[in-house]
Amino acid sequence: MGKAKYLVQRVLNMNYKAMLDKIGSIHKKTGRSRLAIFRDMKDCAVKYGAGYMDYDLFEMYNLTPEQRDTYLTRGRNNEIVAKYNDKSHMDDLGDKIRFNARFQRFLHREWAPVTGDNREEVLAFLERHPVFMAKPSAGSCGWGIEKLKVEDYPSVDALYDHLLERAPLLELEQVIVQHPAVAAIYPGAINTVRMVTIRGKSGKVYLVTAMFRIGNGKFVDNFNSGGMVAPMDPETGTVIDRALDKQKNLYVNHPATGARIKGFAFPDWEKARALVSEAAQVIPEVGYVGWDVCFTPDGPCLVEGNQFPGHDIYQLPVHTPDKIGIMPRFRAIEEEESKKQA
């Protein structure tokens, strides 16, 4: 989507009340006039593709023009998605059933779709896995995911009927056993690493960034569903800062376990890098992906792939004290790819 078209759509679909609320909040923080803030927001939208949510989230009111230009905004992220991801192949990642079928060798766990006409397959899965995950075939942020137990239902037939209510938009998965070192940080959820890759036109796969996603009180680790995020060094697999939740609370140690988060080094990191590099070649038409990787005693495995990798959690202000976003990493990839094509 072109920048002009994107801006027009944003103007037409904007929640103006929410924007005015953000302007009022920033006014209280900075003392600047609401009109000046609105004008600055407009300039950031035109120059950097930043909506009012980005303007507030990345605290652009505290950034110089040069610093602002280093941020991956929503508009810029959409442009990267449009450049690398063919729309006709997006559902191969967005639909979990199709994803599991295409990426079976990277999952390292059993799964079964609930289609409405595969009763015996589902019942056999339930017999092998009396505790399991039920996931919508489409969705994000951990919404709609259930951790279910066969013993909680009057009969396996009653459980099957419950599952059938969501067919054919549901798939079941074996519960992953995570690596004990990762479980020690928080055992109540599968704590994944979001590894963002770009597959260039040359075929080379670049690891752009990595973020540790940690559960906190729920069985999912998603930032937008109560979890926390902490930035990592993508080269070494080491957590380089504290964890942050949606309420902007910072954690040196996990509040539930006391385990230290900053400085944690992931086991089998080179295997994880190799895993996503290989996975990125499966559907070359979708070249910009955010992979959610779990670490198990037997090595890393894929949880899912996101054809819209997002942009917000990778450059939160508390994690960017130098006020530099991750856009330079994308530009470096573009430069390297241009040299390969020359």
Protein backbone atom coordinates (compact mmCIF):
# COMPACT_ATOMS: atom_id res chain seq x y z
CA MET A 1 0.00 0.00 0.00
CA GLY A 2 1.37 3.45 -0.94
CA LYS A 3 1.99 6.02 1.76
CA ALA A 4 -0.74 8.38 0.47
CA LYS A 5 -3.33 5.60 0.33
CA TYR A 6 -2.36 4.43 3.82
CA LEU A 7 -2.70 7.94 5.24
CA VAL A 8 -6.12 8.40 3.64
CA GLN A 9 -7.36 5.13 5.12
CA ARG A 10 -6.01 6.05 8.54
CA VAL A 11 -7.79 9.41 8.43
CA LEU A 12 -11.08 7.78 7.41
CA ASN A 13 -10.89 5.03 10.03
CA MET A 14 -9.35 6.96 12.89
CA ASN A 15 -10.84 6.89 16.37
CA TYR A 16 -10.82 10.64 16.95
CA LYS A 17 -11.93 10.42 20.56
CA ALA A 18 -9.00 8.13 21.35
CA MET A 19 -6.65 10.50 19.53
CA LEU A 20 -7.91 13.48 21.52
CA ASP A 21 -7.48 11.47 24.73
CA LYS A 22 -3.85 10.79 23.77
CA ILE A 23 -3.31 14.47 23.00
CA GLY A 24 -4.73 15.38 26.41
CA SER A 25 -2.49 12.84 28.15
CA ILE A 26 0.62 14.12 26.37
CA HIS A 27 -0.39 17.70 27.16
CA LYS A 28 -0.43 16.83 30.88
CA LYS A 29 2.98 15.16 30.65
CA THR A 30 4.76 17.84 28.65
CA GLY A 31 2.85 21.08 29.18
CA ARG A 32 2.77 21.65 25.42
CA SER A 33 -0.39 23.01 23.87
CA ARG A 34 -2.86 20.56 22.42
CA LEU A 35 -2.72 22.29 19.05
CA ALA A 36 1.07 22.00 18.91
CA ILE A 37 0.85 18.30 19.80
CA PHE A 38 -1.79 17.72 17.11
CA ARG A 39 0.34 19.46 14.48
CA ASP A 40 3.37 17.42 15.49
CA MET A 41 1.33 14.22 15.31
CA LYS A 42 0.23 15.14 11.81
CA ASP A 43 3.83 15.79 10.73
CA CYS A 44 4.94 12.42 12.15
CA ALA A 45 2.13 10.69 10.27
CA VAL A 46 3.19 12.26 6.97
CA LYS A 47 6.97 11.92 7.41
CA TYR A 48 7.29 8.63 9.28
CA GLY A 49 3.98 6.78 8.92
CA ALA A 50 3.33 7.13 12.67
CA GLY A 51 -0.28 7.24 13.87
CA TYR A 52 -1.26 8.83 17.16
CA MET A 53 -0.76 5.48 18.93
CA ASP A 54 2.84 5.27 17.69
CA TYR A 55 3.39 8.92 18.56
CA ASP A 56 2.37 8.23 22.15
CA LEU A 57 3.89 4.75 22.52
CA PHE A 58 7.33 5.71 21.22
CA GLU A 59 7.17 9.12 22.96
CA MET A 60 7.94 10.86 19.70
CA TYR A 61 7.31 14.19 21.38
CA ASN A 62 10.67 13.64 23.10
CA LEU A 63 12.56 12.68 19.93
CA THR A 64 14.52 14.71 17.42
CA PRO A 65 13.67 14.35 13.70
CA GLU A 66 16.76 12.17 13.28
CA GLN A 67 15.69 9.88 16.13
CA ARG A 68 12.11 9.68 14.88
CA ASP A 69 13.37 8.48 11.52
CA THR A 70 14.91 5.40 13.17
CA TYR A 71 11.56 4.01 14.36
CA LEU A 72 9.62 1.25 12.66
CA THR A 73 6.14 2.75 12.71
CA ARG A 74 2.88 1.10 11.82
CA GLY A 75 2.88 2.70 8.38
CA ARG A 76 6.43 1.60 7.65
CA ASN A 77 5.72 -1.89 8.93
CA ASN A 78 2.76 -2.16 6.58
CA GLU A 79 5.02 -1.14 3.70
CA ILE A 80 7.52 -3.88 4.59
CA VAL A 81 4.73 -6.44 4.82
CA ALA A 82 3.44 -5.35 1.41
CA LYS A 83 6.93 -5.57 -0.10
CA TYR A 84 7.87 -9.04 1.17
CA ASN A 85 4.57 -10.85 1.74
CA ASP A 86 2.40 -11.97 -1.16
CA LYS A 87 -1.26 -11.63 -0.16
CA SER A 88 -2.19 -14.88 -1.89
CA HIS A 89 0.10 -16.82 0.49
CA MET A 90 -0.59 -14.97 3.74
CA ASP A 91 -3.13 -17.50 5.03
CA ASP A 92 -0.49 -20.23 4.88
CA LEU A 93 0.79 -18.62 8.07
CA GLY A 94 -2.32 -16.84 9.36
CA ASP A 95 -4.41 -20.02 9.47
CA LYS A 96 -2.96 -22.29 12.18
CA ILE A 97 -4.25 -25.47 10.56
CA ARG A 98 -2.58 -24.60 7.26
CA PHE A 99 0.52 -23.46 9.12
CA ASN A 100 0.83 -26.71 11.06
CA ALA A 101 0.44 -28.73 7.87
CA ARG A 102 3.14 -26.76 6.02
CA PHE A 103 5.57 -26.54 8.95
CA GLN A 104 4.96 -29.97 10.49
CA ARG A 105 8.64 -30.87 10.71
CA PHE A 106 9.38 -27.80 12.83
CA LEU A 107 6.60 -28.34 15.40
CA HIS A 108 7.92 -31.37 17.33
CA ARG A 109 4.46 -32.08 18.75
CA GLU A 110 1.20 -33.74 17.77
CA TRP A 111 -1.82 -31.78 16.61
CA ALA A 112 -5.25 -32.43 15.11
CA PRO A 113 -7.80 -30.21 13.37
CA VAL A 114 -11.42 -30.29 14.46
CA THR A 115 -13.23 -30.38 11.14
CA GLY A 116 -16.57 -31.92 12.05
CA ASP A 117 -15.92 -35.05 10.01
CA ASN A 118 -12.80 -36.46 11.72
CA ARG A 119 -14.29 -37.61 15.00
CA GLU A 120 -12.10 -40.71 15.30
CA GLU A 121 -8.94 -38.70 14.74
CA VAL A 122 -9.94 -36.20 17.44
CA LEU A 123 -10.91 -38.91 19.93
CA ALA A 124 -7.61 -40.70 19.35
CA PHE A 125 -5.76 -37.43 19.98
CA LEU A 126 -7.69 -36.89 23.23
CA GLU A 127 -6.82 -40.40 24.39
CA ARG A 128 -3.11 -39.74 23.88
CA HIS A 129 -3.23 -36.21 25.31
CA PRO A 130 -5.70 -35.85 28.22
CA VAL A 131 -4.38 -32.30 28.73
CA PHE A 132 -4.10 -30.24 25.56
CA MET A 133 -4.31 -26.81 23.96
CA ALA A 134 -7.31 -25.78 21.85
CA LYS A 135 -6.53 -22.90 19.51
CA PRO A 136 -8.63 -20.93 17.02
CA SER A 137 -7.31 -21.49 13.52
CA ALA A 138 -7.18 -17.72 13.09
CA GLY A 139 -6.46 -15.06 15.66
CA SER A 140 -3.67 -13.29 17.49
CA CYS A 141 -2.46 -12.13 20.90
CA GLY A 142 -3.41 -15.44 22.51
CA TRP A 143 -7.13 -14.68 22.24
CA GLY A 144 -9.44 -17.69 22.25
CA ILE A 145 -6.79 -20.21 23.33
CA GLU A 146 -7.90 -22.74 25.96
CA LYS A 147 -5.95 -25.27 27.98
CA LEU A 148 -8.37 -28.15 28.48
CA LYS A 149 -8.44 -31.41 30.42
CA VAL A 150 -10.48 -34.44 29.45
CA GLU A 151 -11.19 -35.14 33.13
CA ASP A 152 -13.04 -31.82 33.48
CA TYR A 153 -15.86 -33.06 31.22
CA PRO A 154 -18.56 -35.66 32.03
CA SER A 155 -17.37 -37.78 29.13
CA VAL A 156 -15.07 -37.62 26.15
CA ASP A 157 -18.19 -37.32 24.00
CA ALA A 158 -19.22 -34.20 25.91
CA LEU A 159 -15.77 -32.74 25.36
CA TYR A 160 -15.93 -33.58 21.67
CA ASP A 161 -19.31 -31.82 21.40
CA HIS A 162 -17.78 -28.75 23.08
CA LEU A 163 -14.94 -28.73 20.57
CA LEU A 164 -17.29 -29.33 17.67
CA GLU A 165 -19.07 -26.05 18.44
CA ARG A 166 -15.99 -24.26 17.09
CA ALA A 167 -15.35 -26.52 14.10
CA PRO A 168 -13.93 -26.14 11.52
CA LEU A 169 -12.05 -23.16 12.97
CA LEU A 170 -10.24 -25.02 15.74
CA GLU A 171 -7.13 -27.13 16.11
CA LEU A 172 -5.80 -29.12 19.05
CA GLU A 173 -2.17 -29.34 20.08
CA GLN A 174 -0.11 -31.44 22.43
CA VAL A 175 1.08 -29.39 25.40
CA ILE A 176 4.71 -28.37 24.91
CA VAL A 177 7.21 -29.18 27.65
CA GLN A 178 9.63 -26.28 27.77
CA HIS A 179 13.28 -26.38 28.70
CA PRO A 180 13.70 -26.42 32.50
CA ALA A 181 15.91 -23.33 32.39
CA VAL A 182 13.13 -21.37 30.64
CA ALA A 183 10.41 -22.89 32.84
CA ALA A 184 12.34 -21.73 35.91
CA ILE A 185 11.58 -18.12 34.93
CA TYR A 186 7.84 -18.77 34.73
CA PRO A 187 6.40 -22.31 34.55
CA GLY A 188 2.76 -21.29 34.07
CA ALA A 189 3.09 -20.50 30.36
CA ILE A 190 5.18 -21.49 27.38
CA ASN A 191 7.59 -18.57 27.27
CA THR A 192 8.54 -18.01 23.65
CA VAL A 193 10.99 -15.88 21.75
CA ARG A 194 9.66 -13.77 18.89
CA MET A 195 12.32 -14.01 16.18
CA VAL A 196 11.70 -11.70 13.23
CA THR A 197 13.24 -12.66 9.91
CA ILE A 198 13.40 -11.22 6.43
CA ARG A 199 14.10 -13.42 3.45
CA GLY A 200 15.72 -11.19 0.87
CA LYS A 201 15.30 -11.56 -2.87
CA SER A 202 18.76 -13.14 -2.87
CA GLY A 203 17.41 -15.97 -0.73
CA LYS A 204 19.44 -15.00 2.31
CA VAL A 205 17.55 -14.99 5.61
CA TYR A 206 18.27 -12.15 8.04
CA LEU A 207 17.40 -12.26 11.74
CA VAL A 208 16.24 -8.70 12.38
CA THR A 209 15.42 -8.83 16.08
CA ALA A 210 14.45 -11.13 18.95
CA MET A 211 12.23 -10.52 21.98
CA PHE A 212 11.67 -12.74 25.00
CA ARG A 213 7.94 -13.06 25.77
CA ILE A 214 7.13 -14.16 29.31
CA GLY A 215 3.88 -15.24 30.91
CA ASN A 216 2.68 -13.62 34.12
CA GLY A 217 -0.38 -15.09 35.79
CA LYS A 218 -1.85 -16.67 32.64
CA PHE A 219 -0.97 -19.67 30.48
CA VAL A 220 -0.13 -17.44 27.48
CA ASP A 221 2.89 -15.19 27.14
CA ASN A 222 1.45 -12.53 24.82
CA PHE A 223 2.22 -8.92 25.73
CA ASN A 224 -1.36 -7.89 24.95
CA SER A 225 -2.79 -10.69 27.13
CA GLY A 226 -0.98 -9.99 30.38
CA GLY A 227 2.53 -11.13 29.48
CA MET A 228 5.84 -9.29 29.47
CA VAL A 229 8.57 -8.61 26.92
CA ALA A 230 12.32 -8.20 27.24
CA PRO A 231 14.77 -7.38 24.42
CA MET A 232 17.49 -9.81 23.40
CA ASP A 233 20.76 -9.75 21.55
CA PRO A 234 19.80 -11.71 18.40
CA GLU A 235 23.40 -12.77 17.88
CA THR A 236 23.93 -14.41 21.27
CA GLY A 237 20.42 -15.18 22.52
CA THR A 238 21.00 -13.24 25.74
CA VAL A 239 18.32 -11.06 27.37
CA ILE A 240 19.82 -7.56 27.51
CA ASP A 241 17.28 -5.60 29.58
CA ARG A 242 14.43 -5.88 32.05
CA ALA A 243 10.98 -7.18 31.22
CA LEU A 244 8.08 -4.77 30.69
CA ASP A 245 4.33 -5.40 30.86
CA LYS A 246 1.45 -3.51 29.21
CA GLN A 247 1.01 -1.37 32.34
CA LYS A 248 4.65 -0.24 31.97
CA ASN A 249 5.82 -2.10 35.05
CA LEU A 250 9.48 -3.11 34.85
CA TYR A 251 10.81 -6.39 36.21
CA VAL A 252 14.42 -7.26 36.91
CA ASN A 253 13.14 -10.51 38.40
CA HIS A 254 9.92 -12.32 37.60
CA PRO A 255 7.27 -11.31 40.19
CA ALA A 256 5.96 -14.89 40.54
CA THR A 257 9.22 -16.85 40.73
CA GLY A 258 11.89 -14.31 41.59
CA ALA A 259 13.98 -15.62 38.70
CA ARG A 260 16.31 -13.06 37.13
CA ILE A 261 15.33 -12.06 33.61
CA LYS A 262 18.06 -9.70 32.39
CA GLY A 263 21.16 -11.66 31.50
CA PHE A 264 19.36 -14.95 30.87
CA ALA A 265 21.03 -16.85 28.02
CA PHE A 266 18.84 -19.17 25.98
CA PRO A 267 19.95 -22.76 25.50
CA ASP A 268 20.44 -23.98 21.92
CA TRP A 269 20.35 -20.46 20.49
CA GLU A 270 22.29 -21.37 17.36
CA LYS A 271 19.80 -24.18 16.73
CA ALA A 272 16.97 -21.66 17.05
CA ARG A 273 18.64 -19.36 14.52
CA ALA A 274 19.06 -22.27 12.15
CA LEU A 275 15.43 -23.32 12.73
CA VAL A 276 13.92 -19.98 11.69
CA SER A 277 16.36 -19.63 8.79
CA GLU A 278 15.19 -22.99 7.44
CA ALA A 279 11.52 -22.25 8.15
CA ALA A 280 11.80 -18.93 6.30
CA GLN A 281 12.56 -20.86 3.11
CA VAL A 282 9.37 -22.95 3.20
CA ILE A 283 7.11 -20.22 1.78
CA PRO A 284 9.45 -17.76 0.04
CA GLU A 285 6.45 -15.69 -1.03
CA VAL A 286 6.05 -14.65 2.63
CA GLY A 287 9.46 -13.20 3.37
CA TYR A 288 8.79 -11.07 6.46
CA VAL A 289 7.75 -13.24 9.41
CA GLY A 290 7.68 -13.11 13.19
CA TRP A 291 8.36 -16.66 14.41
CA ASP A 292 7.33 -17.66 17.94
CA VAL A 293 9.93 -20.19 19.07
CA CYS A 294 9.73 -22.41 22.13
CA PHE A 295 12.77 -24.01 23.76
CA THR A 296 12.33 -27.61 24.89
CA PRO A 297 14.68 -30.19 26.43
CA ASP A 298 15.04 -31.63 22.91
CA GLY A 299 15.75 -28.33 21.21
CA PRO A 300 13.77 -25.37 19.82
CA CYS A 301 10.46 -25.75 17.98
CA LEU A 302 8.00 -23.46 16.24
CA VAL A 303 4.80 -22.42 17.97
CA GLU A 304 3.55 -20.27 15.12
CA GLY A 305 4.55 -17.83 12.41
CA ASN A 306 3.10 -14.33 12.09
CA GLN A 307 2.77 -12.80 8.64
CA PHE A 308 2.19 -9.45 10.38
CA PRO A 309 5.16 -9.44 12.79
CA GLY A 310 4.07 -6.24 14.49
CA HIS A 311 6.28 -3.31 15.30
CA ASP A 312 5.56 -2.00 18.79
CA ILE A 313 7.25 -4.36 21.25
CA TYR A 314 10.67 -4.18 19.58
CA GLN A 315 11.41 -0.54 20.37
CA LEU A 316 9.64 0.50 23.54
CA PRO A 317 11.10 3.65 25.14
CA VAL A 318 12.32 1.92 28.29
CA HIS A 319 14.28 -0.50 26.10
CA THR A 320 15.68 2.21 23.83
CA PRO A 321 17.53 4.61 26.15
CA ASP A 322 19.56 5.85 23.19
CA LYS A 323 16.23 6.73 21.51
CA ILE A 324 17.12 4.73 18.41
CA GLY A 325 14.54 2.36 16.94
CA ILE A 326 15.10 -0.70 14.76
CA MET A 327 14.55 0.90 11.35
CA PRO A 328 18.34 1.07 10.73
CA ARG A 329 18.43 -2.74 10.81
CA PHE A 330 15.91 -2.91 7.97
CA ARG A 331 17.84 -0.31 6.01
CA ALA A 332 21.06 -2.28 6.45
CA ILE A 333 19.31 -5.36 5.02
CA GLU A 334 18.02 -3.34 2.08
CA GLU A 335 21.53 -2.02 1.44
CA GLU A 336 23.06 -5.49 1.54
CA GLU A 337 20.36 -6.87 -0.75
CA SER A 338 20.87 -4.00 -3.20
CA LYS A 339 24.57 -4.82 -3.41
CA LYS A 340 23.77 -8.48 -4.09
CA GLN A 341 21.44 -7.47 -6.92
CA ALA A 342 23.90 -5.03 -8.50
